[in-house]
């Protein structure tokens, strides 16, 4: 930010100075986006953090700019690069004759959790599945842990 201080003439009219600084900050954001891209194509961008609500309009190098509700309080780098996920972890008593049917239903619940959290329903898939029989419990007890994830819904 010190770089911005030396770049501008603070004797300029305040409203023009604010516009100039805003434009420079946009250029810095666009430069950062360009450095993070893995191809030359425009990419969708999700803006989060305290200043995200201040960015208005399109950004160079983006196909879409999304500022989620409450995005101003999201500050983790992981939220900017990860998919939206949903998870189910529970101990089930599974009838061996209905095992596949039960597992499919549990997977659907994990996908529904991800979609309700904001994932695109058509692109959400199971990314991890654990099925651990619990011999110390009666009734075919099994710990099932399923995680589904997908990109942010547009």
N, C-alpha and C. Protein backbone atom coordinates (compact mmCIF):
# COMPACT_ATOMS: atom_id res chain seq x y z
N UNK A 1 0.82 -1.20 0.00
CA UNK A 1 0.00 0.00 0.00
C UNK A 1 0.86 1.26 0.00
N UNK A 2 2.07 1.15 0.53
CA UNK A 2 2.96 2.30 0.52
C UNK A 2 3.26 2.71 -0.92
N UNK A 3 3.31 1.72 -1.81
CA UNK A 3 3.54 1.99 -3.22
C UNK A 3 2.44 2.93 -3.76
N UNK A 4 1.21 2.72 -3.32
CA UNK A 4 0.10 3.59 -3.75
C UNK A 4 0.30 5.01 -3.23
N UNK A 5 0.81 5.13 -2.01
CA UNK A 5 1.00 6.45 -1.41
C UNK A 5 1.94 7.30 -2.27
N UNK A 6 3.03 6.70 -2.72
CA UNK A 6 4.01 7.45 -3.50
C UNK A 6 3.58 7.66 -4.95
N UNK A 7 2.64 6.88 -5.41
CA UNK A 7 2.24 6.94 -6.81
C UNK A 7 1.29 8.11 -7.10
N UNK A 8 0.57 8.58 -6.11
CA UNK A 8 -0.47 9.58 -6.35
C UNK A 8 -0.15 10.93 -5.73
N UNK A 9 -0.64 11.96 -6.38
CA UNK A 9 -0.51 13.33 -5.89
C UNK A 9 -1.70 13.60 -4.97
N UNK A 10 -1.43 13.75 -3.70
CA UNK A 10 -2.52 13.91 -2.74
C UNK A 10 -3.07 15.33 -2.72
N UNK A 11 -2.53 16.20 -3.56
CA UNK A 11 -3.10 17.53 -3.71
C UNK A 11 -4.27 17.50 -4.70
N UNK A 12 -4.45 16.35 -5.36
CA UNK A 12 -5.56 16.17 -6.31
C UNK A 12 -6.88 16.27 -5.55
N UNK A 13 -7.92 16.67 -6.26
CA UNK A 13 -9.26 16.73 -5.64
C UNK A 13 -9.59 15.35 -5.06
N UNK A 14 -10.13 15.31 -3.84
CA UNK A 14 -10.36 14.03 -3.16
C UNK A 14 -11.15 12.99 -3.97
N UNK A 15 -12.21 13.41 -4.66
CA UNK A 15 -12.99 12.42 -5.40
C UNK A 15 -12.18 11.82 -6.56
N UNK A 16 -11.36 12.64 -7.20
CA UNK A 16 -10.51 12.13 -8.29
C UNK A 16 -9.42 11.23 -7.74
N UNK A 17 -8.88 11.60 -6.59
CA UNK A 17 -7.86 10.79 -5.95
C UNK A 17 -8.42 9.41 -5.60
N UNK A 18 -9.62 9.38 -5.05
CA UNK A 18 -10.26 8.11 -4.70
C UNK A 18 -10.46 7.25 -5.95
N UNK A 19 -10.94 7.87 -7.03
CA UNK A 19 -11.13 7.13 -8.29
C UNK A 19 -9.81 6.57 -8.80
N UNK A 20 -8.75 7.38 -8.73
CA UNK A 20 -7.44 6.94 -9.20
C UNK A 20 -6.91 5.75 -8.38
N UNK A 21 -7.07 5.84 -7.08
CA UNK A 21 -6.61 4.75 -6.20
C UNK A 21 -7.44 3.49 -6.45
N UNK A 22 -8.75 3.65 -6.59
CA UNK A 22 -9.64 2.51 -6.86
C UNK A 22 -9.21 1.82 -8.16
N UNK A 23 -8.97 2.60 -9.21
CA UNK A 23 -8.54 2.03 -10.49
C UNK A 23 -7.23 1.28 -10.36
N UNK A 24 -6.31 1.82 -9.57
CA UNK A 24 -5.02 1.15 -9.37
C UNK A 24 -5.21 -0.16 -8.60
N UNK A 25 -6.08 -0.16 -7.61
CA UNK A 25 -6.35 -1.39 -6.86
C UNK A 25 -6.97 -2.44 -7.77
N UNK A 26 -7.89 -2.02 -8.65
CA UNK A 26 -8.47 -2.97 -9.62
C UNK A 26 -7.38 -3.59 -10.49
N UNK A 27 -6.44 -2.77 -10.94
CA UNK A 27 -5.33 -3.29 -11.76
C UNK A 27 -4.52 -4.32 -10.97
N UNK A 28 -4.31 -4.06 -9.69
CA UNK A 28 -3.55 -4.99 -8.86
C UNK A 28 -4.31 -6.32 -8.71
N UNK A 29 -5.62 -6.23 -8.53
CA UNK A 29 -6.44 -7.44 -8.41
C UNK A 29 -6.41 -8.22 -9.73
N UNK A 30 -6.59 -7.51 -10.84
CA UNK A 30 -6.57 -8.16 -12.15
C UNK A 30 -5.21 -8.82 -12.42
N UNK A 31 -4.15 -8.16 -12.02
CA UNK A 31 -2.80 -8.74 -12.18
C UNK A 31 -2.68 -10.03 -11.36
N UNK A 32 -3.21 -10.00 -10.14
CA UNK A 32 -3.16 -11.19 -9.28
C UNK A 32 -3.96 -12.33 -9.89
N UNK A 33 -5.13 -12.02 -10.44
CA UNK A 33 -5.95 -13.04 -11.09
C UNK A 33 -5.19 -13.65 -12.26
N UNK A 34 -4.57 -12.80 -13.05
CA UNK A 34 -3.83 -13.27 -14.22
C UNK A 34 -2.69 -14.21 -13.82
N UNK A 35 -2.03 -13.90 -12.73
CA UNK A 35 -0.91 -14.74 -12.26
C UNK A 35 -1.38 -16.09 -11.75
N UNK A 36 -2.62 -16.17 -11.24
CA UNK A 36 -3.15 -17.41 -10.67
C UNK A 36 -3.75 -18.33 -11.73
N UNK A 37 -4.11 -17.79 -12.89
CA UNK A 37 -4.79 -18.57 -13.92
C UNK A 37 -3.86 -19.65 -14.47
N UNK A 38 -4.46 -20.78 -14.83
CA UNK A 38 -3.68 -21.88 -15.40
C UNK A 38 -3.77 -21.92 -16.92
N UNK A 39 -4.59 -21.04 -17.50
CA UNK A 39 -4.68 -20.93 -18.96
C UNK A 39 -4.99 -19.48 -19.30
N UNK A 40 -4.97 -19.17 -20.58
CA UNK A 40 -5.23 -17.80 -21.03
C UNK A 40 -6.72 -17.46 -21.03
N UNK A 41 -7.57 -18.46 -20.87
CA UNK A 41 -9.01 -18.24 -20.90
C UNK A 41 -9.47 -17.44 -19.68
N UNK A 42 -10.57 -16.68 -19.88
CA UNK A 42 -11.19 -15.98 -18.75
C UNK A 42 -11.73 -17.02 -17.77
N UNK A 43 -11.68 -16.69 -16.50
CA UNK A 43 -12.12 -17.62 -15.45
C UNK A 43 -13.14 -16.95 -14.55
N UNK A 44 -14.04 -17.76 -13.94
CA UNK A 44 -14.93 -17.18 -12.94
C UNK A 44 -14.14 -16.90 -11.67
N UNK A 45 -14.49 -15.82 -10.97
CA UNK A 45 -13.77 -15.42 -9.77
C UNK A 45 -14.77 -15.21 -8.64
N UNK A 46 -14.43 -15.72 -7.46
CA UNK A 46 -15.23 -15.48 -6.26
C UNK A 46 -14.42 -14.55 -5.38
N UNK A 47 -14.99 -13.38 -5.08
CA UNK A 47 -14.30 -12.41 -4.24
C UNK A 47 -14.80 -12.52 -2.81
N UNK A 48 -13.88 -12.66 -1.88
CA UNK A 48 -14.23 -12.72 -0.46
C UNK A 48 -13.27 -11.84 0.32
N UNK A 49 -13.63 -11.55 1.54
CA UNK A 49 -12.79 -10.72 2.39
C UNK A 49 -13.42 -9.36 2.59
N UNK A 50 -12.84 -8.60 3.48
CA UNK A 50 -13.40 -7.31 3.87
C UNK A 50 -13.66 -6.34 2.75
N UNK A 51 -12.81 -6.30 1.74
CA UNK A 51 -12.98 -5.33 0.66
C UNK A 51 -13.74 -5.86 -0.54
N UNK A 52 -14.17 -7.11 -0.50
CA UNK A 52 -14.80 -7.72 -1.67
C UNK A 52 -16.06 -6.99 -2.11
N UNK A 53 -16.81 -6.47 -1.18
CA UNK A 53 -18.06 -5.78 -1.54
C UNK A 53 -17.80 -4.43 -2.20
N UNK A 54 -16.57 -3.96 -2.17
CA UNK A 54 -16.25 -2.67 -2.79
C UNK A 54 -15.98 -2.80 -4.28
N UNK A 55 -15.74 -4.01 -4.75
CA UNK A 55 -15.42 -4.23 -6.16
C UNK A 55 -16.72 -4.29 -6.95
N UNK A 56 -16.87 -3.38 -7.88
CA UNK A 56 -18.09 -3.30 -8.69
C UNK A 56 -17.76 -3.58 -10.14
N UNK A 57 -18.61 -4.32 -10.81
CA UNK A 57 -18.44 -4.55 -12.25
C UNK A 57 -17.50 -5.68 -12.57
N UNK A 58 -17.08 -5.71 -13.83
CA UNK A 58 -16.24 -6.79 -14.34
C UNK A 58 -14.77 -6.53 -14.05
N UNK A 59 -14.02 -7.61 -14.03
CA UNK A 59 -12.58 -7.54 -13.89
C UNK A 59 -11.96 -8.16 -15.13
N UNK A 60 -10.91 -7.58 -15.63
CA UNK A 60 -10.18 -8.09 -16.79
C UNK A 60 -9.72 -9.52 -16.50
N UNK A 61 -9.91 -10.42 -17.46
CA UNK A 61 -9.47 -11.80 -17.30
C UNK A 61 -10.47 -12.71 -16.63
N UNK A 62 -11.67 -12.18 -16.34
CA UNK A 62 -12.69 -13.00 -15.68
C UNK A 62 -13.90 -13.18 -16.57
N UNK A 63 -14.54 -14.33 -16.44
CA UNK A 63 -15.79 -14.57 -17.16
C UNK A 63 -16.98 -14.17 -16.29
N UNK A 64 -16.75 -14.14 -14.97
CA UNK A 64 -17.82 -13.82 -14.03
C UNK A 64 -17.18 -13.42 -12.70
N UNK A 65 -17.78 -12.46 -12.03
CA UNK A 65 -17.32 -12.06 -10.70
C UNK A 65 -18.46 -12.30 -9.72
N UNK A 66 -18.22 -13.15 -8.72
CA UNK A 66 -19.24 -13.49 -7.73
C UNK A 66 -18.77 -12.98 -6.37
N UNK A 67 -19.63 -12.24 -5.69
CA UNK A 67 -19.38 -11.82 -4.31
C UNK A 67 -20.50 -12.45 -3.48
N UNK A 68 -20.22 -13.57 -2.80
CA UNK A 68 -21.27 -14.27 -2.05
C UNK A 68 -21.79 -13.44 -0.89
N UNK A 69 -23.04 -13.73 -0.50
CA UNK A 69 -23.57 -13.12 0.72
C UNK A 69 -22.61 -13.46 1.85
N UNK A 70 -22.35 -12.51 2.69
CA UNK A 70 -21.41 -12.67 3.81
C UNK A 70 -19.98 -12.94 3.36
N UNK A 71 -19.68 -12.65 2.11
CA UNK A 71 -18.34 -12.85 1.58
C UNK A 71 -17.31 -11.98 2.27
N UNK A 72 -17.76 -10.90 2.86
CA UNK A 72 -16.85 -10.00 3.56
C UNK A 72 -16.19 -10.62 4.77
N UNK A 73 -16.77 -11.70 5.28
CA UNK A 73 -16.18 -12.33 6.46
C UNK A 73 -15.41 -13.61 6.11
N UNK A 74 -15.44 -13.99 4.86
CA UNK A 74 -14.68 -15.17 4.43
C UNK A 74 -13.27 -14.72 4.10
N UNK A 75 -12.30 -15.32 4.72
CA UNK A 75 -10.95 -14.82 4.53
C UNK A 75 -9.93 -15.92 4.28
N UNK A 76 -10.37 -17.15 4.17
CA UNK A 76 -9.41 -18.24 4.01
C UNK A 76 -9.03 -18.42 2.55
N UNK A 77 -7.78 -18.66 2.31
CA UNK A 77 -7.33 -18.93 0.94
C UNK A 77 -8.04 -20.16 0.39
N UNK A 78 -8.24 -21.14 1.23
CA UNK A 78 -8.91 -22.37 0.79
C UNK A 78 -10.28 -22.13 0.21
N UNK A 79 -10.98 -21.13 0.71
CA UNK A 79 -12.31 -20.86 0.18
C UNK A 79 -12.25 -20.34 -1.25
N UNK A 80 -11.12 -19.79 -1.63
CA UNK A 80 -10.98 -19.26 -2.98
C UNK A 80 -10.59 -20.33 -3.99
N UNK A 81 -10.04 -21.43 -3.52
CA UNK A 81 -9.55 -22.43 -4.47
C UNK A 81 -10.25 -23.78 -4.35
N UNK A 82 -11.12 -23.95 -3.38
CA UNK A 82 -11.74 -25.26 -3.20
C UNK A 82 -13.17 -25.30 -3.71
N UNK A 83 -13.64 -26.52 -3.91
CA UNK A 83 -15.03 -26.73 -4.28
C UNK A 83 -15.91 -26.64 -3.04
N UNK A 84 -17.20 -26.53 -3.28
CA UNK A 84 -18.19 -26.55 -2.20
C UNK A 84 -18.46 -28.02 -1.88
N UNK A 85 -18.50 -28.36 -0.60
CA UNK A 85 -18.66 -29.77 -0.26
C UNK A 85 -19.78 -30.02 0.73
N UNK A 86 -20.16 -31.27 0.79
CA UNK A 86 -21.13 -31.76 1.76
C UNK A 86 -20.65 -33.11 2.24
N UNK A 87 -20.94 -33.44 3.49
CA UNK A 87 -20.39 -34.66 4.05
C UNK A 87 -21.42 -35.36 4.93
N UNK A 88 -21.38 -36.68 4.90
CA UNK A 88 -22.21 -37.51 5.77
C UNK A 88 -21.26 -38.45 6.49
N UNK A 89 -21.36 -38.51 7.81
CA UNK A 89 -20.58 -39.48 8.58
C UNK A 89 -21.47 -39.99 9.69
N UNK A 90 -21.73 -41.28 9.65
CA UNK A 90 -22.69 -41.85 10.58
C UNK A 90 -22.47 -43.36 10.67
N UNK A 91 -22.93 -43.94 11.77
CA UNK A 91 -22.89 -45.39 11.91
C UNK A 91 -24.25 -45.93 11.49
N UNK A 92 -24.23 -46.86 10.55
CA UNK A 92 -25.46 -47.44 10.01
C UNK A 92 -25.48 -48.93 10.31
N UNK A 93 -26.68 -49.45 10.50
CA UNK A 93 -26.90 -50.89 10.56
C UNK A 93 -27.45 -51.27 9.20
N UNK A 94 -26.63 -51.91 8.40
CA UNK A 94 -26.99 -52.14 7.00
C UNK A 94 -27.37 -53.60 6.77
N UNK A 95 -28.56 -53.77 6.23
CA UNK A 95 -29.03 -55.10 5.82
C UNK A 95 -28.18 -55.53 4.62
N UNK A 96 -27.47 -56.65 4.71
CA UNK A 96 -26.60 -57.07 3.61
C UNK A 96 -27.34 -57.18 2.26
N UNK A 97 -28.64 -57.48 2.29
CA UNK A 97 -29.40 -57.61 1.04
C UNK A 97 -29.68 -56.26 0.40
N UNK A 98 -29.60 -55.19 1.20
CA UNK A 98 -29.90 -53.84 0.68
C UNK A 98 -28.68 -52.93 0.76
N UNK A 99 -27.53 -53.52 0.83
CA UNK A 99 -26.29 -52.75 1.03
C UNK A 99 -26.07 -51.70 -0.06
N UNK A 100 -26.08 -52.10 -1.32
CA UNK A 100 -25.82 -51.16 -2.41
C UNK A 100 -26.86 -50.04 -2.45
N UNK A 101 -28.10 -50.41 -2.25
CA UNK A 101 -29.19 -49.42 -2.23
C UNK A 101 -28.98 -48.40 -1.11
N UNK A 102 -28.59 -48.89 0.06
CA UNK A 102 -28.35 -48.01 1.22
C UNK A 102 -27.16 -47.09 0.96
N UNK A 103 -26.09 -47.64 0.42
CA UNK A 103 -24.91 -46.82 0.13
C UNK A 103 -25.22 -45.75 -0.91
N UNK A 104 -25.99 -46.10 -1.93
CA UNK A 104 -26.39 -45.11 -2.94
C UNK A 104 -27.19 -43.97 -2.31
N UNK A 105 -28.07 -44.31 -1.37
CA UNK A 105 -28.89 -43.29 -0.70
C UNK A 105 -28.01 -42.36 0.15
N UNK A 106 -27.02 -42.92 0.82
CA UNK A 106 -26.11 -42.11 1.64
C UNK A 106 -25.31 -41.16 0.74
N UNK A 107 -24.88 -41.65 -0.42
CA UNK A 107 -24.14 -40.80 -1.37
C UNK A 107 -25.02 -39.65 -1.85
N UNK A 108 -26.29 -39.93 -2.09
CA UNK A 108 -27.22 -38.88 -2.52
C UNK A 108 -27.38 -37.81 -1.44
N UNK A 109 -27.37 -38.23 -0.18
CA UNK A 109 -27.47 -37.27 0.93
C UNK A 109 -26.25 -36.35 0.94
N UNK A 110 -25.07 -36.91 0.74
CA UNK A 110 -23.84 -36.09 0.71
C UNK A 110 -23.88 -35.10 -0.44
N UNK A 111 -24.35 -35.54 -1.60
CA UNK A 111 -24.47 -34.64 -2.74
C UNK A 111 -25.48 -33.54 -2.44
N UNK A 112 -26.60 -33.90 -1.82
CA UNK A 112 -27.62 -32.90 -1.47
C UNK A 112 -27.05 -31.87 -0.49
N UNK A 113 -26.24 -32.32 0.46
CA UNK A 113 -25.60 -31.40 1.42
C UNK A 113 -24.71 -30.39 0.68
N UNK A 114 -23.94 -30.86 -0.29
CA UNK A 114 -23.06 -29.97 -1.06
C UNK A 114 -23.87 -28.98 -1.87
N UNK A 115 -24.93 -29.45 -2.50
CA UNK A 115 -25.78 -28.57 -3.32
C UNK A 115 -26.45 -27.52 -2.44
N UNK A 116 -26.93 -27.91 -1.27
CA UNK A 116 -27.55 -26.95 -0.35
C UNK A 116 -26.54 -25.92 0.14
N UNK A 117 -25.26 -26.28 0.14
CA UNK A 117 -24.21 -25.35 0.56
C UNK A 117 -23.78 -24.43 -0.58
N UNK A 118 -24.28 -24.70 -1.82
CA UNK A 118 -23.98 -23.81 -2.94
C UNK A 118 -23.29 -24.44 -4.13
N UNK A 119 -23.08 -25.76 -4.10
CA UNK A 119 -22.42 -26.44 -5.23
C UNK A 119 -23.38 -26.61 -6.40
N UNK A 120 -22.81 -26.67 -7.59
CA UNK A 120 -23.58 -26.90 -8.82
C UNK A 120 -24.02 -28.36 -8.84
N UNK A 121 -25.33 -28.59 -8.83
CA UNK A 121 -25.88 -29.95 -8.75
C UNK A 121 -25.41 -30.84 -9.91
N UNK A 122 -25.26 -30.27 -11.09
CA UNK A 122 -24.88 -31.05 -12.27
C UNK A 122 -23.40 -31.41 -12.30
N UNK A 123 -22.60 -30.78 -11.46
CA UNK A 123 -21.16 -31.04 -11.48
C UNK A 123 -20.63 -31.58 -10.16
N UNK A 124 -21.53 -31.85 -9.22
CA UNK A 124 -21.11 -32.34 -7.91
C UNK A 124 -20.97 -33.86 -7.97
N UNK A 125 -19.89 -34.35 -7.36
CA UNK A 125 -19.63 -35.79 -7.38
C UNK A 125 -19.03 -36.24 -6.05
N UNK A 126 -19.05 -37.53 -5.83
CA UNK A 126 -18.46 -38.11 -4.63
C UNK A 126 -16.94 -38.05 -4.77
N UNK A 127 -16.27 -37.46 -3.77
CA UNK A 127 -14.81 -37.36 -3.84
C UNK A 127 -14.11 -38.26 -2.82
N UNK A 128 -14.85 -38.71 -1.81
CA UNK A 128 -14.26 -39.70 -0.90
C UNK A 128 -15.36 -40.56 -0.29
N UNK A 129 -14.99 -41.81 -0.03
CA UNK A 129 -15.95 -42.77 0.50
C UNK A 129 -15.21 -43.71 1.43
N UNK A 130 -15.70 -43.81 2.66
CA UNK A 130 -15.12 -44.76 3.63
C UNK A 130 -16.23 -45.65 4.15
N UNK A 131 -15.94 -46.93 4.24
CA UNK A 131 -16.91 -47.93 4.69
C UNK A 131 -16.16 -48.85 5.65
N UNK A 132 -16.35 -48.64 6.96
CA UNK A 132 -15.58 -49.39 7.95
C UNK A 132 -16.53 -50.23 8.80
N UNK A 133 -16.51 -51.57 8.61
CA UNK A 133 -17.35 -52.44 9.45
C UNK A 133 -16.89 -52.35 10.91
N UNK A 134 -17.86 -52.30 11.81
CA UNK A 134 -17.55 -52.19 13.24
C UNK A 134 -17.90 -53.51 13.91
N UNK A 135 -16.94 -54.41 13.98
CA UNK A 135 -17.16 -55.77 14.49
C UNK A 135 -17.58 -55.77 15.96
N UNK A 136 -17.24 -54.74 16.69
CA UNK A 136 -17.55 -54.69 18.12
C UNK A 136 -18.98 -54.23 18.39
N UNK A 137 -19.75 -53.88 17.35
CA UNK A 137 -21.16 -53.50 17.50
C UNK A 137 -22.03 -54.54 16.79
N UNK A 138 -23.21 -54.79 17.32
CA UNK A 138 -24.09 -55.79 16.70
C UNK A 138 -24.83 -55.23 15.47
N UNK A 139 -25.43 -56.12 14.69
CA UNK A 139 -26.34 -55.72 13.62
C UNK A 139 -25.69 -55.17 12.38
N UNK A 140 -24.56 -55.72 11.96
CA UNK A 140 -23.89 -55.25 10.75
C UNK A 140 -23.59 -53.75 10.80
N UNK A 141 -23.17 -53.27 11.96
CA UNK A 141 -22.86 -51.85 12.11
C UNK A 141 -21.65 -51.48 11.27
N UNK A 142 -21.80 -50.37 10.56
CA UNK A 142 -20.75 -49.90 9.67
C UNK A 142 -20.66 -48.39 9.78
N UNK A 143 -19.43 -47.89 9.91
CA UNK A 143 -19.24 -46.43 9.88
C UNK A 143 -19.05 -46.03 8.43
N UNK A 144 -19.96 -45.18 7.96
CA UNK A 144 -19.92 -44.70 6.58
C UNK A 144 -19.57 -43.22 6.62
N UNK A 145 -18.58 -42.84 5.82
CA UNK A 145 -18.21 -41.43 5.68
C UNK A 145 -18.12 -41.15 4.18
N UNK A 146 -18.97 -40.22 3.72
CA UNK A 146 -19.03 -39.88 2.30
C UNK A 146 -18.90 -38.37 2.17
N UNK A 147 -18.05 -37.94 1.24
CA UNK A 147 -17.91 -36.51 0.97
C UNK A 147 -18.15 -36.27 -0.51
N UNK A 148 -18.99 -35.28 -0.80
CA UNK A 148 -19.28 -34.88 -2.18
C UNK A 148 -18.84 -33.44 -2.34
N UNK A 149 -18.41 -33.09 -3.55
CA UNK A 149 -17.98 -31.71 -3.80
C UNK A 149 -18.22 -31.35 -5.25
N UNK A 150 -18.39 -30.05 -5.47
CA UNK A 150 -18.58 -29.54 -6.82
C UNK A 150 -18.29 -28.05 -6.85
N UNK A 151 -18.15 -27.50 -8.05
CA UNK A 151 -17.88 -26.07 -8.18
C UNK A 151 -19.07 -25.23 -7.73
N UNK A 152 -18.79 -24.00 -7.40
CA UNK A 152 -19.83 -23.06 -6.98
C UNK A 152 -20.88 -22.92 -8.07
N UNK A 153 -22.14 -22.99 -7.66
CA UNK A 153 -23.25 -22.85 -8.61
C UNK A 153 -23.27 -21.42 -9.13
N UNK A 154 -23.50 -21.27 -10.43
CA UNK A 154 -23.51 -19.94 -11.05
C UNK A 154 -24.86 -19.30 -10.91
